[in-house]
Amino acid sequence: RIVEVAGRHGMRILGPNCIGVLDTHVPIDTTFLPPPGPIPGTVAFLSHSGAICAAVIDWARGQGFGLSRLVSL
């Protein structure tokens, strides 16, 4: 029913069992990851795993590498 209603209104649904989306340029962060978030950049990252998303954010920040968007499916 949720998918049906969302479809009629042009809405997108994420989940279940994902950490959400993050856009460093808007900024929007629907994740529940603890700060600090990613450095704003130009590369997007998409993953099925929330744990991998968190690890990539930590790694990228440590390397001084920026991310534009992150999506966990």
C-alpha atoms as a PDB file:
ATOM      1  CA  ARG A   1       0.000   0.000   0.000  1.00  0.00           C
ATOM      2  CA  ILE A   2       2.847   2.407   0.814  1.00  0.00           C
ATOM      3  CA  VAL A   3       4.482   1.775  -2.569  1.00  0.00           C
ATOM      4  CA  GLU A   4       1.132   2.293  -4.321  1.00  0.00           C
ATOM      5  CA  VAL A   5       0.495   5.649  -2.618  1.00  0.00           C
ATOM      6  CA  ALA A   6       4.079   6.810  -3.168  1.00  0.00           C
ATOM      7  CA  GLY A   7       3.886   5.890  -6.856  1.00  0.00           C
ATOM      8  CA  ARG A   8       0.704   7.886  -7.376  1.00  0.00           C
ATOM      9  CA  HIS A   9       2.364  10.974  -5.923  1.00  0.00           C
ATOM     10  CA  GLY A  10       5.778  10.606  -7.584  1.00  0.00           C
ATOM     11  CA  MET A  11       7.514   9.796  -4.308  1.00  0.00           C
ATOM     12  CA  ARG A  12      10.533   7.531  -3.857  1.00  0.00           C
ATOM     13  CA  ILE A  13      10.847   5.069  -0.986  1.00  0.00           C
ATOM     14  CA  LEU A  14      14.149   3.756   0.394  1.00  0.00           C
ATOM     15  CA  GLY A  15      14.492   0.689   2.534  1.00  0.00           C
ATOM     16  CA  PRO A  16      13.917  -1.336   4.463  1.00  0.00           C
ATOM     17  CA  ASN A  17      17.223  -1.905   6.228  1.00  0.00           C
ATOM     18  CA  CYS A  18      19.216   0.950   4.736  1.00  0.00           C
ATOM     19  CA  ILE A  19      20.930   3.963   6.261  1.00  0.00           C
ATOM     20  CA  GLY A  20      19.359   6.405   3.805  1.00  0.00           C
ATOM     21  CA  VAL A  21      20.793   9.164   1.636  1.00  0.00           C
ATOM     22  CA  LEU A  22      23.287  11.946   2.124  1.00  0.00           C
ATOM     23  CA  ASP A  23      24.049  14.938  -0.121  1.00  0.00           C
ATOM     24  CA  THR A  24      26.943  17.119   0.985  1.00  0.00           C
ATOM     25  CA  HIS A  25      25.996  20.011  -1.308  1.00  0.00           C
ATOM     26  CA  VAL A  26      22.318  20.567  -0.359  1.00  0.00           C
ATOM     27  CA  PRO A  27      22.974  19.554   2.570  1.00  0.00           C
ATOM     28  CA  ILE A  28      20.656  16.668   3.365  1.00  0.00           C
ATOM     29  CA  ASP A  29      21.491  13.766   5.629  1.00  0.00           C
ATOM     30  CA  THR A  30      18.868  11.106   6.381  1.00  0.00           C
ATOM     31  CA  THR A  31      21.449   8.679   7.751  1.00  0.00           C
ATOM     32  CA  PHE A  32      21.931   7.901  11.397  1.00  0.00           C
ATOM     33  CA  LEU A  33      25.721   7.821  11.099  1.00  0.00           C
ATOM     34  CA  PRO A  34      27.634   9.730  13.772  1.00  0.00           C
ATOM     35  CA  PRO A  35      29.577  12.876  12.839  1.00  0.00           C
ATOM     36  CA  PRO A  36      31.842  13.819  11.274  1.00  0.00           C
ATOM     37  CA  GLY A  37      30.251  13.276   7.893  1.00  0.00           C
ATOM     38  CA  PRO A  38      32.033  13.276   4.572  1.00  0.00           C
ATOM     39  CA  ILE A  39      33.953  16.203   3.153  1.00  0.00           C
ATOM     40  CA  PRO A  40      31.979  17.745   0.252  1.00  0.00           C
ATOM     41  CA  GLY A  41      33.347  16.534  -3.071  1.00  0.00           C
ATOM     42  CA  THR A  42      32.443  15.411  -6.584  1.00  0.00           C
ATOM     43  CA  VAL A  43      32.227  11.612  -6.314  1.00  0.00           C
ATOM     44  CA  ALA A  44      29.000   9.785  -5.409  1.00  0.00           C
ATOM     45  CA  PHE A  45      28.935   6.390  -3.670  1.00  0.00           C
ATOM     46  CA  LEU A  46      26.167   3.790  -3.830  1.00  0.00           C
ATOM     47  CA  SER A  47      26.144   0.621  -1.739  1.00  0.00           C
ATOM     48  CA  HIS A  48      23.831  -2.113  -0.579  1.00  0.00           C
ATOM     49  CA  SER A  49      25.635  -2.144   2.767  1.00  0.00           C
ATOM     50  CA  GLY A  50      25.278   0.592   5.361  1.00  0.00           C
ATOM     51  CA  ALA A  51      28.448  -0.644   7.068  1.00  0.00           C
ATOM     52  CA  ILE A  52      30.404  -0.226   3.829  1.00  0.00           C
ATOM     53  CA  CYS A  53      28.958   3.288   3.417  1.00  0.00           C
ATOM     54  CA  ALA A  54      30.145   4.203   6.911  1.00  0.00           C
ATOM     55  CA  ALA A  55      33.591   2.704   6.254  1.00  0.00           C
ATOM     56  CA  VAL A  56      33.928   4.593   2.952  1.00  0.00           C
ATOM     57  CA  ILE A  57      32.997   7.884   4.645  1.00  0.00           C
ATOM     58  CA  ASP A  58      35.611   7.288   7.362  1.00  0.00           C
ATOM     59  CA  TRP A  59      38.271   6.261   4.823  1.00  0.00           C
ATOM     60  CA  ALA A  60      37.527   9.177   2.478  1.00  0.00           C
ATOM     61  CA  ARG A  61      37.646  11.711   5.315  1.00  0.00           C
ATOM     62  CA  GLY A  62      40.975  10.290   6.509  1.00  0.00           C
ATOM     63  CA  GLN A  63      42.395  10.622   2.987  1.00  0.00           C
ATOM     64  CA  GLY A  64      41.015  14.141   2.499  1.00  0.00           C
ATOM     65  CA  PHE A  65      38.803  12.767  -0.273  1.00  0.00           C
ATOM     66  CA  GLY A  66      35.387  14.375  -0.766  1.00  0.00           C
ATOM     67  CA  LEU A  67      32.037  12.752  -1.550  1.00  0.00           C
ATOM     68  CA  SER A  68      29.065  14.455  -3.177  1.00  0.00           C
ATOM     69  CA  ARG A  69      26.298  11.972  -2.461  1.00  0.00           C
ATOM     70  CA  LEU A  70      25.908   8.669  -0.696  1.00  0.00           C
ATOM     71  CA  VAL A  71      23.014   6.247  -1.099  1.00  0.00           C
ATOM     72  CA  SER A  72      22.435   3.050   0.852  1.00  0.00           C
ATOM     73  CA  LEU A  73      19.925   0.721  -0.794  1.00  0.00           C
END
